[in-house]
Protein backbone atom coordinates (compact mmCIF):
# COMPACT_ATOMS: atom_id res chain seq x y z
CA MET A 1 -10.43 28.65 6.55
CA PRO A 2 -7.86 26.18 5.42
CA ALA A 3 -8.14 22.73 7.22
CA ALA A 4 -5.69 21.68 10.19
CA ILE A 5 -4.55 18.19 10.69
CA ASP A 6 -6.74 17.85 13.65
CA ASP A 7 -10.00 18.89 11.86
CA PRO A 8 -12.26 15.81 11.01
CA LEU A 9 -12.96 14.85 7.40
CA LYS A 10 -16.51 13.77 6.29
CA LEU A 11 -16.15 11.43 3.37
CA PRO A 12 -18.47 11.22 0.49
CA CYS A 13 -20.39 8.03 1.84
CA GLY A 14 -21.08 9.71 5.26
CA ALA A 15 -18.46 8.34 7.27
CA THR A 16 -16.04 10.77 9.19
CA LEU A 17 -12.39 10.55 9.99
CA ARG A 18 -11.78 12.36 13.41
CA ASN A 19 -8.59 13.81 11.94
CA ARG A 20 -6.57 14.29 8.79
CA ILE A 21 -3.71 11.78 9.70
CA ALA A 22 -3.64 8.23 8.44
CA LYS A 23 -1.29 5.26 8.96
CA SER A 24 -0.60 4.24 5.36
CA ALA A 25 -0.37 0.57 4.69
CA MET A 26 2.78 -1.22 5.42
CA THR A 27 3.05 -4.96 4.71
CA GLU A 28 3.20 -6.64 8.32
CA GLY A 29 4.00 -10.24 7.45
CA LEU A 30 2.70 -11.36 10.80
CA ALA A 31 0.13 -13.74 9.79
CA ASP A 32 0.80 -17.63 10.26
CA ALA A 33 1.35 -20.01 7.45
CA GLN A 34 -2.36 -20.27 6.74
CA GLY A 35 -2.78 -16.50 6.26
CA ARG A 36 -4.68 -15.90 9.55
CA PRO A 37 -4.11 -12.81 11.62
CA ASN A 38 -3.30 -13.65 15.29
CA GLU A 39 -2.09 -11.81 18.58
CA ARG A 40 0.77 -10.07 16.91
CA HIS A 41 -1.61 -8.09 14.81
CA VAL A 42 -3.81 -7.43 17.94
CA ASN A 43 -0.53 -6.09 19.63
CA LEU A 44 0.57 -4.04 16.78
CA TYR A 45 -2.84 -2.48 15.79
CA GLY A 46 -3.74 -1.93 19.31
CA ALA A 47 -0.50 0.35 19.83
CA TRP A 48 -1.15 2.11 16.41
CA ALA A 49 -4.93 2.72 17.50
CA GLU A 50 -3.59 4.43 20.77
CA GLY A 51 -1.06 6.67 18.58
CA GLY A 52 -3.65 9.29 17.47
CA ALA A 53 -4.19 8.64 13.98
CA GLY A 54 -7.77 9.19 12.44
CA MET A 55 -7.54 6.11 10.27
CA LEU A 56 -5.26 2.98 10.13
CA LEU A 57 -4.85 1.23 6.85
CA THR A 58 -3.83 -2.51 7.12
CA GLY A 59 -1.07 -4.04 4.95
CA ASN A 60 -1.88 -6.16 2.03
CA VAL A 61 -4.66 -8.63 2.70
CA MET A 62 -4.45 -11.20 -0.15
CA ILE A 63 -7.32 -12.71 -2.09
CA ASP A 64 -5.74 -15.68 -3.55
CA ARG A 65 -3.51 -18.18 -1.71
CA ASP A 66 -1.31 -18.78 -4.59
CA HIS A 67 -0.32 -15.10 -4.93
CA LEU A 68 1.17 -13.52 -2.07
CA GLU A 69 3.20 -10.22 -1.85
CA ARG A 70 5.20 -12.00 0.81
CA PRO A 71 4.82 -14.87 3.16
CA GLY A 72 3.02 -13.68 6.45
CA ASN A 73 0.29 -11.94 4.40
CA VAL A 74 -3.14 -12.24 5.73
CA ILE A 75 -5.38 -14.13 3.19
CA ILE A 76 -9.06 -14.01 2.70
CA ALA A 77 -9.83 -16.66 -0.05
CA GLY A 78 -13.19 -18.24 -0.19
CA GLU A 79 -15.47 -18.33 2.78
CA PRO A 80 -13.54 -17.92 6.18
CA ASP A 81 -14.28 -20.32 8.86
CA ASP A 82 -15.44 -19.44 12.41
CA GLU A 83 -11.86 -19.26 13.55
CA MET A 84 -10.74 -16.91 10.75
CA ARG A 85 -13.77 -14.91 11.50
CA ARG A 86 -13.11 -14.60 15.19
CA ARG A 87 -9.32 -13.61 14.39
CA LEU A 88 -10.58 -10.97 11.82
CA MET A 89 -12.92 -9.45 14.52
CA ALA A 90 -10.22 -9.42 17.23
CA TRP A 91 -7.91 -7.42 14.80
CA ALA A 92 -10.60 -5.18 13.94
CA LYS A 93 -11.84 -4.36 17.59
CA VAL A 94 -8.46 -3.21 18.80
CA GLY A 95 -7.85 -1.34 15.36
CA THR A 96 -11.01 0.50 15.87
CA ALA A 97 -10.53 1.73 19.48
CA HIS A 98 -10.41 5.38 20.44
CA ASP A 99 -12.76 6.22 17.57
CA THR A 100 -10.11 5.23 15.04
CA HIS A 101 -11.02 3.88 11.59
CA LEU A 102 -9.42 0.75 10.51
CA TRP A 103 -9.68 0.28 6.83
CA MET A 104 -8.45 -3.14 5.30
CA GLN A 105 -6.23 -2.98 2.26
CA ILE A 106 -7.26 -5.72 -0.23
CA SER A 107 -4.55 -6.87 -2.78
CA HIS A 108 -3.46 -9.18 -5.42
CA PRO A 109 0.35 -8.97 -6.53
CA GLY A 110 -0.02 -10.58 -9.95
CA ARG A 111 3.42 -11.20 -11.49
CA GLN A 112 4.99 -9.60 -8.33
CA THR A 113 4.74 -12.72 -6.50
CA GLN A 114 8.05 -14.17 -5.52
CA ILE A 115 9.24 -17.41 -7.24
CA PHE A 116 9.44 -19.56 -4.06
CA VAL A 117 5.63 -18.70 -3.45
CA ASN A 118 4.51 -19.29 -7.04
CA PRO A 119 6.82 -19.91 -9.89
CA HIS A 120 4.11 -19.20 -12.50
CA PRO A 121 1.89 -16.26 -11.23
CA LYS A 122 -1.06 -15.07 -12.87
CA ALA A 123 -0.80 -11.60 -14.73
CA PRO A 124 -2.58 -9.80 -17.77
CA SER A 125 0.09 -10.98 -20.00
CA ALA A 126 3.21 -13.02 -20.19
CA VAL A 127 5.51 -10.11 -19.28
CA ALA A 128 8.28 -10.94 -16.66
CA LEU A 129 9.47 -8.31 -14.39
CA GLY A 130 12.48 -6.59 -15.47
CA LEU A 131 14.66 -7.32 -12.51
CA PRO A 132 18.10 -9.16 -12.01
CA GLY A 133 18.05 -12.45 -10.57
CA LYS A 134 15.54 -15.20 -10.32
CA GLN A 135 13.17 -13.77 -7.67
CA PHE A 136 10.19 -13.65 -10.04
CA GLY A 137 8.86 -16.27 -12.68
CA VAL A 138 7.51 -15.60 -16.03
CA PRO A 139 3.72 -14.87 -15.50
CA VAL A 140 0.73 -16.80 -17.16
CA PRO A 141 -2.10 -14.70 -18.76
CA LEU A 142 -5.30 -14.71 -16.70
CA THR A 143 -8.24 -16.07 -18.75
CA GLU A 144 -11.58 -14.18 -18.90
CA ALA A 145 -13.16 -16.62 -16.39
CA GLU A 146 -10.15 -15.98 -13.97
CA ILE A 147 -10.46 -12.14 -14.36
CA GLU A 148 -14.21 -12.63 -13.04
CA THR A 149 -12.98 -14.67 -10.39
CA VAL A 150 -10.55 -11.93 -9.13
CA ILE A 151 -13.25 -9.26 -9.41
CA ALA A 152 -15.72 -11.38 -7.18
CA SER A 153 -12.89 -12.24 -4.78
CA PHE A 154 -12.17 -8.28 -4.07
CA ALA A 155 -15.59 -7.80 -3.59
CA ARG A 156 -16.09 -10.67 -1.35
CA ALA A 157 -13.07 -9.85 0.73
CA ALA A 158 -14.47 -6.45 1.42
CA GLN A 159 -17.85 -7.88 2.47
CA ILE A 160 -15.87 -9.87 4.95
CA ALA A 161 -14.18 -6.91 6.14
CA LYS A 162 -17.22 -5.10 6.80
CA ASP A 163 -18.93 -8.12 8.54
CA THR A 164 -16.16 -8.53 10.89
CA GLY A 165 -15.88 -4.88 12.24
CA PHE A 166 -13.35 -3.09 9.57
CA THR A 167 -14.70 0.44 9.00
CA GLY A 168 -13.50 0.67 5.33
CA VAL A 169 -11.49 -0.85 2.60
CA GLN A 170 -8.81 0.28 0.24
CA ILE A 171 -8.38 -1.48 -3.24
CA HIS A 172 -4.65 -1.71 -4.02
CA GLY A 173 -4.30 -0.42 -7.67
CA ALA A 174 -0.71 0.86 -7.33
CA HIS A 175 3.03 -0.45 -7.00
CA GLY A 176 2.87 -2.76 -9.86
CA TYR A 177 0.44 -5.22 -8.30
CA LEU A 178 -2.11 -6.90 -10.56
CA ILE A 179 -4.68 -3.92 -10.95
CA SER A 180 -1.61 -1.65 -11.60
CA GLN A 181 -0.27 -4.42 -14.11
CA PHE A 182 -3.60 -4.04 -15.92
CA LEU A 183 -3.32 -0.38 -15.96
CA SER A 184 0.13 -0.60 -17.53
CA PRO A 185 0.49 -0.58 -21.28
CA ARG A 186 4.04 -2.32 -20.49
CA ALA A 187 2.49 -5.15 -18.59
CA ASN A 188 -0.72 -5.24 -20.17
CA LEU A 189 -0.35 -6.49 -23.98
CA ARG A 190 -3.75 -8.00 -24.15
CA THR A 191 -6.14 -7.50 -27.25
CA ASP A 192 -9.35 -8.35 -25.58
CA LYS A 193 -11.58 -5.91 -23.61
CA TRP A 194 -9.13 -5.91 -20.58
CA GLY A 195 -6.29 -4.59 -22.68
CA GLY A 196 -5.39 -1.90 -25.30
CA SER A 197 -6.99 1.38 -24.71
CA LEU A 198 -6.98 3.01 -21.18
CA GLU A 199 -10.73 2.32 -20.87
CA ASN A 200 -9.93 -1.44 -21.28
CA ARG A 201 -6.74 -1.44 -19.22
CA ALA A 202 -8.89 0.38 -16.42
CA ARG A 203 -11.80 -2.18 -16.64
CA LEU A 204 -10.56 -4.38 -14.00
CA LEU A 205 -10.17 -1.64 -11.48
CA LEU A 206 -13.55 -0.07 -12.11
CA GLU A 207 -15.26 -3.49 -12.31
CA VAL A 208 -13.83 -4.21 -8.62
CA ILE A 209 -15.13 -0.85 -7.49
CA LYS A 210 -18.56 -1.41 -8.87
CA ARG A 211 -18.86 -4.86 -7.49
CA THR A 212 -17.52 -3.90 -4.02
CA ARG A 213 -19.95 -1.12 -3.73
CA GLU A 214 -22.73 -3.63 -4.28
CA ALA A 215 -21.20 -5.90 -1.79
CA VAL A 216 -20.79 -3.36 1.09
CA GLY A 217 -23.53 -0.74 0.51
CA PRO A 218 -23.61 3.13 0.10
CA ALA A 219 -22.51 4.06 3.49
CA PHE A 220 -19.12 2.01 3.73
CA PRO A 221 -15.98 3.78 2.82
CA ILE A 222 -14.21 2.36 -0.35
CA SER A 223 -10.74 4.03 -1.07
CA VAL A 224 -8.11 3.19 -3.89
CA LYS A 225 -4.40 3.28 -3.87
CA LEU A 226 -3.54 4.72 -7.35
CA ASN A 227 -0.13 5.33 -9.01
CA SER A 228 0.16 8.80 -10.06
CA ALA A 229 2.48 7.24 -12.54
CA ASP A 230 4.75 4.08 -12.91
CA PHE A 231 7.65 6.52 -14.06
CA GLN A 232 8.70 4.01 -16.66
CA LYS A 233 8.98 4.61 -20.37
CA GLY A 234 5.85 3.58 -22.10
CA GLY A 235 4.03 2.87 -18.85
CA PHE A 236 1.16 4.14 -16.98
CA ALA A 237 1.55 8.17 -17.03
CA PHE A 238 0.10 10.81 -14.96
CA GLU A 239 -2.32 11.88 -17.65
CA ASP A 240 -3.70 8.30 -17.53
CA SER A 241 -3.84 8.42 -13.82
CA LEU A 242 -5.90 11.71 -13.84
CA LYS A 243 -8.51 10.02 -16.13
CA VAL A 244 -8.75 6.98 -14.25
CA ALA A 245 -9.32 9.08 -10.94
CA ARG A 246 -12.12 10.81 -12.52
CA TRP A 247 -13.56 7.49 -13.42
CA LEU A 248 -13.18 6.23 -10.02
CA GLN A 249 -15.18 9.22 -8.54
CA ASP A 250 -17.90 8.52 -10.90
CA VAL A 251 -18.30 5.12 -9.66
CA GLY A 252 -18.34 6.06 -6.01
CA VAL A 253 -14.85 5.95 -4.42
CA ASP A 254 -14.67 7.94 -1.32
CA LEU A 255 -10.87 8.73 -1.34
CA ILE A 256 -7.92 8.27 -3.51
CA GLU A 257 -4.36 7.69 -2.15
CA VAL A 258 -1.90 8.99 -4.62
CA SER A 259 1.32 6.99 -4.79
CA GLY A 260 3.77 5.92 -7.60
CA GLY A 261 6.20 3.31 -8.88
CA THR A 262 6.70 -0.41 -9.13
CA TYR A 263 9.12 -3.05 -8.05
CA GLU A 264 10.85 -2.17 -11.18
CA GLN A 265 10.94 1.63 -10.47
CA PRO A 266 10.41 1.74 -6.62
CA LYS A 267 9.41 5.51 -6.30
CA MET A 268 7.20 4.62 -3.51
CA MET A 269 10.36 4.06 -1.50
CA ASN A 270 11.96 7.19 -2.73
CA LEU A 271 14.24 4.90 -4.88
CA ASP A 272 15.37 4.79 -8.46
CA GLY A 273 15.21 1.65 -10.47
CA LEU A 274 17.81 0.23 -12.99
CA GLU A 275 16.46 2.24 -15.81
CA ALA A 276 16.26 5.99 -15.97
CA ALA A 277 12.95 7.13 -14.43
CA GLU A 278 10.49 8.52 -16.96
CA GLN A 279 9.74 12.07 -15.95
CA GLN A 280 6.15 13.20 -15.83
CA LYS A 281 4.61 16.37 -16.74
CA VAL A 282 3.12 17.94 -13.47
CA ALA A 283 3.52 21.57 -12.44
CA ALA A 284 5.86 21.92 -9.50
CA SER A 285 3.82 23.49 -6.70
CA THR A 286 4.79 25.37 -3.56
CA ALA A 287 3.56 22.74 -1.37
CA ALA A 288 5.85 21.15 1.21
CA ARG A 289 8.88 19.32 -0.60
CA GLU A 290 9.08 16.65 2.07
CA ALA A 291 6.38 14.67 0.33
CA TYR A 292 7.06 12.30 -2.58
CA PHE A 293 4.16 12.70 -4.47
CA VAL A 294 2.65 16.01 -3.45
CA ASP A 295 2.70 17.77 -6.77
CA PHE A 296 0.69 14.80 -8.33
CA ALA A 297 -1.71 14.81 -5.45
CA LYS A 298 -2.28 18.76 -5.86
CA ALA A 299 -2.86 18.41 -9.66
CA MET A 300 -5.28 15.35 -8.98
CA ARG A 301 -6.97 17.36 -6.30
CA ALA A 302 -7.64 20.08 -8.52
CA GLU A 303 -9.60 17.98 -10.92
CA LEU A 304 -11.70 15.93 -8.13
CA LYS A 305 -14.40 16.57 -5.69
CA ILE A 306 -13.51 13.50 -3.50
CA PRO A 307 -10.62 13.66 -1.05
CA VAL A 308 -7.05 12.71 -1.89
CA MET A 309 -4.48 11.24 0.54
CA VAL A 310 -0.68 11.62 0.02
CA THR A 311 1.97 9.74 1.83
CA GLY A 312 5.75 9.51 1.85
CA GLY A 313 8.25 12.06 3.34
CA ILE A 314 6.07 14.20 5.64
CA ARG A 315 7.51 14.66 8.93
CA THR A 316 6.37 17.94 10.27
CA ARG A 317 2.82 19.60 11.14
CA ARG A 318 3.95 22.49 9.24
CA ALA A 319 4.47 20.46 6.11
CA ALA A 320 1.36 18.53 6.72
CA GLU A 321 -0.83 21.65 7.13
CA HIS A 322 0.86 23.39 4.25
CA ALA A 323 -0.19 20.46 1.99
CA LEU A 324 -3.84 20.80 3.54
CA SER A 325 -3.91 24.43 3.10
CA THR A 326 -2.65 24.39 -0.54
CA ASP A 327 -5.11 21.79 -1.57
CA ALA A 328 -2.54 19.40 -2.25
CA ALA A 329 -4.28 16.69 -0.08
CA ASP A 330 -7.02 16.17 2.39
CA VAL A 331 -5.44 13.26 4.50
CA ILE A 332 -1.72 12.97 5.37
CA GLY A 333 -0.43 9.48 5.32
CA ILE A 334 2.63 8.33 7.45
CA ALA A 335 4.21 4.97 7.43
CA ARG A 336 7.97 4.22 8.29
CA PRO A 337 7.84 6.68 11.46
CA MET A 338 5.20 4.47 12.93
CA CYS A 339 7.67 1.40 12.71
CA VAL A 340 9.78 3.05 15.30
CA ASP A 341 7.28 5.24 17.09
CA THR A 342 3.70 4.04 17.33
CA ASP A 343 2.79 7.55 18.74
CA ALA A 344 3.87 9.32 15.69
CA PRO A 345 0.57 10.81 14.83
CA ARG A 346 0.26 12.17 18.22
CA HIS A 347 3.42 13.79 18.12
CA LEU A 348 2.86 15.21 14.70
CA LEU A 349 -0.63 16.74 16.13
CA ASP A 350 1.55 18.23 18.98
CA GLY A 351 3.87 19.90 16.62
CA THR A 352 6.68 17.66 17.31
CA ASP A 353 8.73 16.88 14.21
CA LEU A 354 9.23 13.18 13.45
CA THR A 355 12.69 13.68 12.18
CA ARG A 356 13.79 13.43 15.83
CA TRP A 357 12.81 9.73 15.56
CA GLU A 358 14.10 9.29 12.17
CA THR A 359 16.75 6.37 11.80
CA LYS A 360 19.46 6.69 9.37
CA LEU A 361 20.34 3.30 7.84
CA SER A 362 22.73 1.93 5.25
CA MET A 363 23.85 -1.65 4.47
CA PHE A 364 27.22 -0.16 3.35
CA PRO A 365 30.11 1.14 5.48
CA ALA A 366 31.48 4.51 4.79
CA TRP A 367 34.24 3.12 2.88
CA LEU A 368 31.93 1.37 0.42
CA SER A 369 29.94 4.50 -0.30
CA PHE A 370 31.14 4.66 -3.70
CA LEU A 371 28.64 1.78 -4.43
CA ARG A 372 25.82 4.08 -4.15
CA ASN A 373 26.69 5.24 -7.47
CA LEU A 374 25.53 2.24 -8.94
CA ALA A 375 21.90 1.75 -9.66
CA ILE A 376 21.77 -1.84 -8.64
CA ALA A 377 23.60 -1.08 -5.32
CA ARG A 378 21.08 1.49 -4.52
CA ALA A 379 18.06 -0.74 -5.29
CA VAL A 380 19.45 -3.59 -3.28
CA GLU A 381 20.15 -1.35 -0.31
CA GLY A 382 16.64 0.12 -0.46
CA PHE A 383 15.03 -3.21 -0.22
CA ALA A 384 17.45 -4.51 2.47
CA ILE A 385 16.66 -1.30 4.51
CA LEU A 386 12.82 -2.16 3.96
CA TYR A 387 13.58 -5.57 5.69
CA TRP A 388 14.93 -3.62 8.80
CA TYR A 389 11.51 -1.99 9.30
CA TYR A 390 9.78 -5.28 8.67
CA ALA A 391 11.90 -6.68 11.70
CA GLN A 392 10.83 -3.81 13.70
CA LEU A 393 7.09 -4.72 13.01
CA TYR A 394 7.79 -8.31 14.25
CA ARG A 395 9.07 -6.77 17.66
CA LEU A 396 5.98 -4.60 17.90
CA GLY A 397 3.87 -7.52 17.02
CA ASP A 398 5.80 -9.65 19.85
CA GLY A 399 5.09 -6.77 22.38
CA LYS A 400 8.65 -5.78 22.45
CA GLY A 401 10.39 -2.55 21.98
CA VAL A 402 11.86 -1.41 18.82
CA ASP A 403 15.74 -2.11 18.36
CA ARG A 404 17.29 0.89 16.80
CA ASN A 405 20.65 -0.77 17.08
CA LEU A 406 19.67 -3.56 14.84
CA GLY A 407 21.98 -4.15 11.69
CA VAL A 408 20.41 -4.00 8.40
CA PHE A 409 22.29 -7.58 7.50
CA LYS A 410 20.96 -9.09 10.76
CA ALA A 411 17.40 -7.78 9.91
CA TYR A 412 17.49 -8.90 6.41
CA ARG A 413 18.58 -12.52 7.52
CA GLU A 414 15.91 -12.66 10.17
CA VAL A 415 13.19 -11.61 7.88
CA ASP A 416 14.41 -13.70 4.91
CA ALA A 417 14.51 -16.66 7.25
CA THR A 418 10.87 -16.01 8.32
CA HIS A 419 9.73 -15.80 4.71
CA HIS A 420 11.37 -19.29 3.85
CA ARG A 421 10.00 -20.84 7.13
CA LEU A 422 6.42 -19.84 6.25
CA ALA A 423 6.73 -20.82 2.78
CA ARG A 424 7.86 -24.40 3.76
CA GLU A 425 5.10 -24.67 6.31
CA ARG A 426 2.43 -23.50 3.62
CA LYS A 427 3.66 -26.40 1.48
CA ALA A 428 3.65 -28.93 4.29
């Protein structure tokens, strides 16, 4: 009998999710300048834990203070002091209320570190992002010793997550962050054992999983967020992703979340980059077309025995259960709807379409709509709208209601000012 979204899911490690809905990871930006979680995380995740999801994924938790996806990231670098552990435990306690799983997403952005955080970030190779402006510096290749430190840091962060009450972890291997950079033949030009063949390019990810499993034991969920493809010419392709997924299954991963894209080609936000997207060979399924990556997830699910999660675009119970019943996914992730309605999972379970809470946003007035024909304008608008959602998370973290009337430009200015304030405080 096909699974329903309110059915439990038993993972290979033995843990059970109480239903098939997960809050996918969204960067919160709520930490203080030292990278510590606080009462804002407690408020936000307390509300989300009451919202009905079987599992909540945190936003990026960084393993290196010099490499942040954005100011306001939580950072676990080195041994946390007693105060940091207390704060992590408070976050985990509210996030696991109501029999909800709370998994920590652990990440390193590599070259996708903004220049005002680090002008010379570390990456596989000295390949700069192909984006206009001066937001990101030319990266410095990691040494072998530094790569070993990265592996150890991922595993240590997972151990700390387990010790402080989180019920699982997700290793971020997608969206153009460091692990994704190693997987990409465009970003990884190394000629040592960490570059060249797919086996070498996947070595960092596989070593992180092996070391993490050693740290947390056999009964603790480990998931991976993996690009179905980078959608860039000469980049990480779907055929590569399938092979890596099989290797991840072999080393004991409990769930793979299928995503796609990078900052250069932001398919994870349903946007196009400045260059034409590279088409990937995957059969179009009859699964719900609401989901951005459902065809890739279905093709991957056919090759794997472990559960697959798909996120992006699903807004109805009908679409979610169609994805489950056609073996396109085992877990349905939702993200942006939970920025404007923390009870979105419960509404989905009740059969209420989330489209009624959908907010239509644009930074361009109608008379400037012609700008949407320009790739750079579409990209700028997409990232500006992302800041609108960040601003709503600020409000939820402060215990306030969502402001649906907030202008995109005002939200952008608010978030940008917060980023620069936190960056200044970090350096002080």
